Amino acid sequence: MNIPENLKYTTDHEWIKVEDGEALIGVTDFAQGELGDIVYIEVETQGETLNKEDVFGTIEAVKTVSDLFMPVSGEVLEVNDKLESTPEVVNEDPYGDGWLVKIKLSDPSELESLLDAAAYKETLS
């Protein structure tokens, strides 16, 4: 299982990669594996400012539908447009082309409450 060292993680299996006050958010390799074949992703929060742990969308797989939670507070700047026609990219490349949203951070100090790769790995065992 792939758990990149340069990302932060939540116990809800989202990852976040921060660069210059903006961040990409996606679901972890573990999460996409547990979900199975992803068939639809719905994110209708573009332009909204959400709080940490707010639901920003849903991810639908053959087996289930799951909410997607904000790892930190921020404004949703962009939704990955590839997901509309090819949601399976999350299964194929969860940390690359399978990112879900780009946000502008509202409170960078919230990043301190997230898990590093080693701590996230511990939650899986």
N, C-alpha and C. Protein backbone atom coordinates (compact mmCIF):
# COMPACT_ATOMS: atom_id res chain seq x y z
N MET A 1 0.84 -1.18 0.00
CA MET A 1 0.00 0.00 0.00
C MET A 1 0.89 1.24 0.00
N ASN A 2 0.49 2.21 -0.78
CA ASN A 2 1.27 3.42 -0.97
C ASN A 2 0.81 4.50 0.01
N ILE A 3 1.75 5.00 0.86
CA ILE A 3 1.47 6.09 1.79
C ILE A 3 2.62 7.10 1.67
N PRO A 4 2.49 8.07 0.74
CA PRO A 4 3.59 9.02 0.53
C PRO A 4 3.95 9.80 1.79
N GLU A 5 5.25 9.99 1.99
CA GLU A 5 5.76 10.68 3.18
C GLU A 5 5.49 12.18 3.15
N ASN A 6 5.30 12.77 1.97
CA ASN A 6 5.18 14.22 1.86
C ASN A 6 3.76 14.75 2.04
N LEU A 7 2.82 13.89 2.41
CA LEU A 7 1.43 14.30 2.58
C LEU A 7 1.03 14.24 4.04
N LYS A 8 -0.10 14.89 4.36
CA LYS A 8 -0.74 14.77 5.66
C LYS A 8 -2.03 13.97 5.44
N TYR A 9 -2.52 13.33 6.51
CA TYR A 9 -3.65 12.41 6.39
C TYR A 9 -4.68 12.63 7.51
N THR A 10 -5.90 12.17 7.25
CA THR A 10 -6.95 12.18 8.28
C THR A 10 -7.31 10.73 8.62
N THR A 11 -7.97 10.57 9.75
CA THR A 11 -8.44 9.23 10.11
C THR A 11 -9.60 8.80 9.23
N ASP A 12 -10.17 9.74 8.46
CA ASP A 12 -11.24 9.41 7.50
C ASP A 12 -10.68 9.04 6.13
N HIS A 13 -9.34 8.94 6.03
CA HIS A 13 -8.65 8.46 4.82
C HIS A 13 -8.61 9.47 3.69
N GLU A 14 -8.60 10.77 4.04
CA GLU A 14 -8.29 11.79 3.05
C GLU A 14 -6.82 12.17 3.20
N TRP A 15 -6.22 12.64 2.10
CA TRP A 15 -4.86 13.18 2.15
C TRP A 15 -4.91 14.63 1.70
N ILE A 16 -3.87 15.38 2.10
CA ILE A 16 -3.76 16.78 1.71
C ILE A 16 -2.31 17.09 1.40
N LYS A 17 -2.10 17.82 0.33
CA LYS A 17 -0.76 18.25 -0.09
C LYS A 17 -0.81 19.77 -0.20
N VAL A 18 -0.02 20.46 0.61
CA VAL A 18 -0.05 21.91 0.69
C VAL A 18 1.12 22.53 -0.05
N GLU A 19 0.82 23.57 -0.84
CA GLU A 19 1.84 24.36 -1.53
C GLU A 19 1.37 25.81 -1.60
N ASP A 20 2.12 26.70 -0.99
CA ASP A 20 1.87 28.14 -1.08
C ASP A 20 0.45 28.55 -0.69
N GLY A 21 -0.05 28.05 0.43
CA GLY A 21 -1.36 28.46 0.92
C GLY A 21 -2.54 27.78 0.24
N GLU A 22 -2.26 26.96 -0.76
CA GLU A 22 -3.31 26.18 -1.41
C GLU A 22 -3.01 24.70 -1.21
N ALA A 23 -4.01 23.87 -1.37
CA ALA A 23 -3.81 22.45 -1.12
C ALA A 23 -4.68 21.60 -2.03
N LEU A 24 -4.13 20.47 -2.43
CA LEU A 24 -4.91 19.44 -3.11
C LEU A 24 -5.37 18.45 -2.06
N ILE A 25 -6.58 17.93 -2.24
CA ILE A 25 -7.16 16.94 -1.33
C ILE A 25 -7.65 15.76 -2.14
N GLY A 26 -7.43 14.56 -1.62
CA GLY A 26 -7.91 13.36 -2.28
C GLY A 26 -8.16 12.27 -1.26
N VAL A 27 -8.46 11.07 -1.72
CA VAL A 27 -8.62 9.92 -0.84
C VAL A 27 -7.38 9.04 -0.96
N THR A 28 -7.06 8.36 0.11
CA THR A 28 -5.84 7.57 0.16
C THR A 28 -5.96 6.28 -0.66
N ASP A 29 -4.81 5.70 -0.90
CA ASP A 29 -4.74 4.41 -1.58
C ASP A 29 -5.54 3.36 -0.81
N PHE A 30 -5.43 3.39 0.52
CA PHE A 30 -6.20 2.46 1.35
C PHE A 30 -7.70 2.66 1.11
N ALA A 31 -8.15 3.91 1.12
CA ALA A 31 -9.59 4.20 0.95
C ALA A 31 -10.11 3.72 -0.39
N GLN A 32 -9.37 4.02 -1.46
CA GLN A 32 -9.86 3.60 -2.79
C GLN A 32 -9.89 2.08 -2.88
N GLY A 33 -8.95 1.41 -2.21
CA GLY A 33 -8.94 -0.05 -2.21
C GLY A 33 -10.12 -0.64 -1.47
N GLU A 34 -10.46 -0.01 -0.33
CA GLU A 34 -11.61 -0.46 0.45
C GLU A 34 -12.93 -0.19 -0.29
N LEU A 35 -13.01 0.93 -0.98
CA LEU A 35 -14.23 1.27 -1.71
C LEU A 35 -14.45 0.34 -2.89
N GLY A 36 -13.39 -0.04 -3.55
CA GLY A 36 -13.52 -0.84 -4.77
C GLY A 36 -13.66 0.08 -5.97
N ASP A 37 -14.28 -0.42 -7.02
CA ASP A 37 -14.37 0.33 -8.27
C ASP A 37 -15.22 1.59 -8.09
N ILE A 38 -14.58 2.74 -8.25
CA ILE A 38 -15.27 4.02 -8.09
C ILE A 38 -15.99 4.36 -9.39
N VAL A 39 -17.29 4.66 -9.26
CA VAL A 39 -18.11 4.88 -10.45
C VAL A 39 -18.62 6.32 -10.58
N TYR A 40 -18.58 7.10 -9.48
CA TYR A 40 -19.13 8.46 -9.54
C TYR A 40 -18.59 9.26 -8.36
N ILE A 41 -18.25 10.51 -8.63
CA ILE A 41 -17.83 11.43 -7.58
C ILE A 41 -18.62 12.71 -7.75
N GLU A 42 -19.24 13.15 -6.66
CA GLU A 42 -20.04 14.37 -6.70
C GLU A 42 -19.46 15.39 -5.74
N VAL A 43 -19.06 16.53 -6.30
CA VAL A 43 -18.58 17.64 -5.49
C VAL A 43 -19.27 18.89 -6.02
N GLU A 44 -20.17 19.45 -5.21
CA GLU A 44 -20.92 20.64 -5.61
C GLU A 44 -20.62 21.80 -4.68
N THR A 45 -19.39 21.85 -4.15
CA THR A 45 -19.03 22.87 -3.18
C THR A 45 -18.01 23.87 -3.72
N GLN A 46 -17.76 23.85 -5.03
CA GLN A 46 -16.81 24.80 -5.60
C GLN A 46 -17.26 26.23 -5.30
N GLY A 47 -16.31 27.05 -4.83
CA GLY A 47 -16.61 28.43 -4.48
C GLY A 47 -17.07 28.62 -3.05
N GLU A 48 -17.34 27.53 -2.35
CA GLU A 48 -17.79 27.61 -0.96
C GLU A 48 -16.60 27.53 -0.01
N THR A 49 -16.75 28.22 1.13
CA THR A 49 -15.78 28.10 2.20
C THR A 49 -16.34 27.14 3.24
N LEU A 50 -15.61 26.08 3.50
CA LEU A 50 -16.07 25.03 4.40
C LEU A 50 -15.14 24.93 5.61
N ASN A 51 -15.69 24.42 6.70
CA ASN A 51 -14.90 24.21 7.91
C ASN A 51 -14.30 22.82 7.92
N LYS A 52 -13.26 22.67 8.72
CA LYS A 52 -12.64 21.36 8.91
C LYS A 52 -13.72 20.35 9.28
N GLU A 53 -13.68 19.19 8.67
CA GLU A 53 -14.58 18.06 8.88
C GLU A 53 -15.96 18.23 8.24
N ASP A 54 -16.22 19.35 7.55
CA ASP A 54 -17.46 19.48 6.78
C ASP A 54 -17.42 18.52 5.59
N VAL A 55 -18.57 18.07 5.14
CA VAL A 55 -18.66 17.23 3.96
C VAL A 55 -18.53 18.11 2.72
N PHE A 56 -17.58 17.77 1.83
CA PHE A 56 -17.42 18.56 0.61
C PHE A 56 -17.92 17.83 -0.63
N GLY A 57 -18.33 16.56 -0.48
CA GLY A 57 -18.83 15.80 -1.61
C GLY A 57 -19.05 14.36 -1.22
N THR A 58 -19.35 13.54 -2.23
CA THR A 58 -19.52 12.11 -2.00
C THR A 58 -18.76 11.34 -3.08
N ILE A 59 -18.39 10.12 -2.71
CA ILE A 59 -17.70 9.23 -3.63
C ILE A 59 -18.51 7.93 -3.67
N GLU A 60 -18.86 7.51 -4.87
CA GLU A 60 -19.71 6.33 -5.03
C GLU A 60 -18.91 5.22 -5.71
N ALA A 61 -18.95 4.07 -5.07
CA ALA A 61 -18.33 2.88 -5.63
C ALA A 61 -19.43 1.85 -5.87
N VAL A 62 -19.05 0.75 -6.49
CA VAL A 62 -20.03 -0.31 -6.77
C VAL A 62 -20.69 -0.76 -5.47
N LYS A 63 -19.91 -0.83 -4.38
CA LYS A 63 -20.40 -1.36 -3.12
C LYS A 63 -21.09 -0.35 -2.21
N THR A 64 -20.73 0.95 -2.29
CA THR A 64 -21.17 1.89 -1.27
C THR A 64 -21.05 3.33 -1.75
N VAL A 65 -21.63 4.25 -0.98
CA VAL A 65 -21.44 5.68 -1.17
C VAL A 65 -20.89 6.22 0.14
N SER A 66 -19.84 7.05 0.05
CA SER A 66 -19.21 7.61 1.24
C SER A 66 -19.09 9.12 1.13
N ASP A 67 -19.24 9.80 2.27
CA ASP A 67 -19.02 11.24 2.31
C ASP A 67 -17.53 11.53 2.25
N LEU A 68 -17.20 12.69 1.73
CA LEU A 68 -15.83 13.20 1.69
C LEU A 68 -15.74 14.37 2.66
N PHE A 69 -14.76 14.34 3.55
CA PHE A 69 -14.65 15.33 4.62
C PHE A 69 -13.44 16.24 4.41
N MET A 70 -13.62 17.52 4.68
CA MET A 70 -12.53 18.49 4.60
C MET A 70 -11.51 18.20 5.70
N PRO A 71 -10.24 18.02 5.35
CA PRO A 71 -9.23 17.81 6.39
C PRO A 71 -8.90 19.10 7.15
N VAL A 72 -9.10 20.24 6.50
CA VAL A 72 -8.87 21.56 7.10
C VAL A 72 -9.91 22.52 6.53
N SER A 73 -10.04 23.68 7.16
CA SER A 73 -10.97 24.70 6.67
C SER A 73 -10.38 25.39 5.44
N GLY A 74 -11.27 25.74 4.50
CA GLY A 74 -10.80 26.46 3.33
C GLY A 74 -11.87 26.65 2.29
N GLU A 75 -11.53 27.44 1.28
CA GLU A 75 -12.43 27.70 0.15
C GLU A 75 -12.10 26.72 -0.97
N VAL A 76 -13.13 26.06 -1.49
CA VAL A 76 -12.94 25.12 -2.59
C VAL A 76 -12.76 25.94 -3.87
N LEU A 77 -11.53 25.93 -4.38
CA LEU A 77 -11.19 26.72 -5.57
C LEU A 77 -11.47 25.98 -6.87
N GLU A 78 -11.28 24.67 -6.83
CA GLU A 78 -11.34 23.90 -8.08
C GLU A 78 -11.72 22.46 -7.77
N VAL A 79 -12.48 21.87 -8.66
CA VAL A 79 -12.81 20.44 -8.61
C VAL A 79 -12.10 19.79 -9.79
N ASN A 80 -11.50 18.64 -9.58
CA ASN A 80 -10.79 17.94 -10.64
C ASN A 80 -11.79 17.55 -11.74
N ASP A 81 -11.70 18.20 -12.89
CA ASP A 81 -12.68 17.97 -13.96
C ASP A 81 -12.54 16.60 -14.62
N LYS A 82 -11.42 15.92 -14.42
CA LYS A 82 -11.25 14.57 -14.97
C LYS A 82 -12.24 13.59 -14.32
N LEU A 83 -12.66 13.88 -13.11
CA LEU A 83 -13.47 12.94 -12.35
C LEU A 83 -14.87 12.77 -12.92
N GLU A 84 -15.35 13.78 -13.63
CA GLU A 84 -16.70 13.70 -14.19
C GLU A 84 -16.81 12.57 -15.21
N SER A 85 -15.83 12.47 -16.09
CA SER A 85 -15.90 11.44 -17.14
C SER A 85 -15.11 10.18 -16.79
N THR A 86 -14.13 10.30 -15.90
CA THR A 86 -13.30 9.13 -15.55
C THR A 86 -13.06 9.05 -14.04
N PRO A 87 -14.10 8.78 -13.24
CA PRO A 87 -13.93 8.71 -11.79
C PRO A 87 -12.96 7.60 -11.36
N GLU A 88 -12.77 6.60 -12.23
CA GLU A 88 -11.88 5.49 -11.90
C GLU A 88 -10.42 5.92 -11.78
N VAL A 89 -10.10 7.16 -12.20
CA VAL A 89 -8.73 7.65 -12.04
C VAL A 89 -8.34 7.68 -10.56
N VAL A 90 -9.32 7.79 -9.67
CA VAL A 90 -9.03 7.75 -8.23
C VAL A 90 -8.50 6.37 -7.84
N ASN A 91 -9.04 5.31 -8.44
CA ASN A 91 -8.52 3.96 -8.20
C ASN A 91 -7.11 3.80 -8.77
N GLU A 92 -6.90 4.37 -9.94
CA GLU A 92 -5.64 4.16 -10.67
C GLU A 92 -4.49 5.02 -10.13
N ASP A 93 -4.78 6.23 -9.69
CA ASP A 93 -3.73 7.18 -9.29
C ASP A 93 -4.25 8.11 -8.18
N PRO A 94 -4.51 7.56 -6.97
CA PRO A 94 -5.15 8.37 -5.93
C PRO A 94 -4.35 9.59 -5.48
N TYR A 95 -3.02 9.54 -5.60
CA TYR A 95 -2.19 10.65 -5.15
C TYR A 95 -1.73 11.57 -6.28
N GLY A 96 -2.11 11.26 -7.49
CA GLY A 96 -1.70 12.06 -8.65
C GLY A 96 -2.92 12.62 -9.35
N ASP A 97 -3.23 12.06 -10.52
CA ASP A 97 -4.36 12.55 -11.31
C ASP A 97 -5.71 12.35 -10.63
N GLY A 98 -5.75 11.56 -9.57
CA GLY A 98 -7.02 11.28 -8.88
C GLY A 98 -7.34 12.23 -7.73
N TRP A 99 -6.66 13.37 -7.66
CA TRP A 99 -7.01 14.36 -6.62
C TRP A 99 -8.46 14.81 -6.82
N LEU A 100 -9.09 15.27 -5.75
CA LEU A 100 -10.51 15.62 -5.81
C LEU A 100 -10.75 17.12 -5.92
N VAL A 101 -10.20 17.90 -4.96
CA VAL A 101 -10.42 19.34 -4.95
C VAL A 101 -9.13 20.08 -4.61
N LYS A 102 -9.09 21.34 -5.06
CA LYS A 102 -8.03 22.26 -4.65
C LYS A 102 -8.69 23.32 -3.78
N ILE A 103 -8.05 23.62 -2.64
CA ILE A 103 -8.62 24.61 -1.72
C ILE A 103 -7.60 25.70 -1.40
N LYS A 104 -8.12 26.83 -0.93
CA LYS A 104 -7.29 27.87 -0.33
C LYS A 104 -7.48 27.74 1.17
N LEU A 105 -6.38 27.53 1.89
CA LEU A 105 -6.45 27.32 3.33
C LEU A 105 -6.97 28.56 4.06
N SER A 106 -7.88 28.34 5.02
CA SER A 106 -8.37 29.43 5.87
C SER A 106 -7.53 29.55 7.13
N ASP A 107 -7.08 28.39 7.66
CA ASP A 107 -6.35 28.37 8.92
C ASP A 107 -5.24 27.33 8.84
N PRO A 108 -4.07 27.74 8.37
CA PRO A 108 -2.95 26.80 8.20
C PRO A 108 -2.57 26.05 9.48
N SER A 109 -2.87 26.61 10.64
CA SER A 109 -2.52 25.92 11.90
C SER A 109 -3.28 24.60 12.06
N GLU A 110 -4.39 24.44 11.35
CA GLU A 110 -5.15 23.18 11.42
C GLU A 110 -4.35 22.00 10.87
N LEU A 111 -3.36 22.28 10.03
CA LEU A 111 -2.53 21.21 9.47
C LEU A 111 -1.80 20.44 10.58
N GLU A 112 -1.52 21.11 11.69
CA GLU A 112 -0.79 20.48 12.79
C GLU A 112 -1.58 19.32 13.42
N SER A 113 -2.90 19.33 13.28
CA SER A 113 -3.72 18.27 13.87
C SER A 113 -3.83 17.03 12.98
N LEU A 114 -3.27 17.11 11.76
CA LEU A 114 -3.36 15.97 10.84
C LEU A 114 -2.23 14.98 11.09
N LEU A 115 -2.39 13.79 10.54
CA LEU A 115 -1.43 12.71 10.73
C LEU A 115 -0.32 12.77 9.68
N ASP A 116 0.91 12.45 10.10
CA ASP A 116 1.95 12.24 9.11
C ASP A 116 1.84 10.80 8.61
N ALA A 117 2.70 10.42 7.66
CA ALA A 117 2.58 9.10 7.03
C ALA A 117 2.71 7.98 8.06
N ALA A 118 3.65 8.10 9.00
CA ALA A 118 3.85 7.05 10.00
C ALA A 118 2.63 6.90 10.90
N ALA A 119 2.06 8.02 11.34
CA ALA A 119 0.88 7.96 12.21
C ALA A 119 -0.32 7.40 11.46
N TYR A 120 -0.47 7.79 10.18
CA TYR A 120 -1.57 7.27 9.39
C TYR A 120 -1.42 5.75 9.22
N LYS A 121 -0.21 5.30 8.94
CA LYS A 121 0.04 3.88 8.78
C LYS A 121 -0.35 3.11 10.05
N GLU A 122 -0.09 3.70 11.22
CA GLU A 122 -0.46 3.07 12.49
C GLU A 122 -1.97 2.89 12.61
N THR A 123 -2.75 3.86 12.09
CA THR A 123 -4.21 3.74 12.20
C THR A 123 -4.75 2.59 11.37
N LEU A 124 -3.97 2.14 10.39
CA LEU A 124 -4.42 1.05 9.51
C LEU A 124 -4.11 -0.32 10.05
N SER A 125 -3.24 -0.39 11.06
CA SER A 125 -2.85 -1.72 11.56
C SER A 125 -3.68 -2.16 12.75
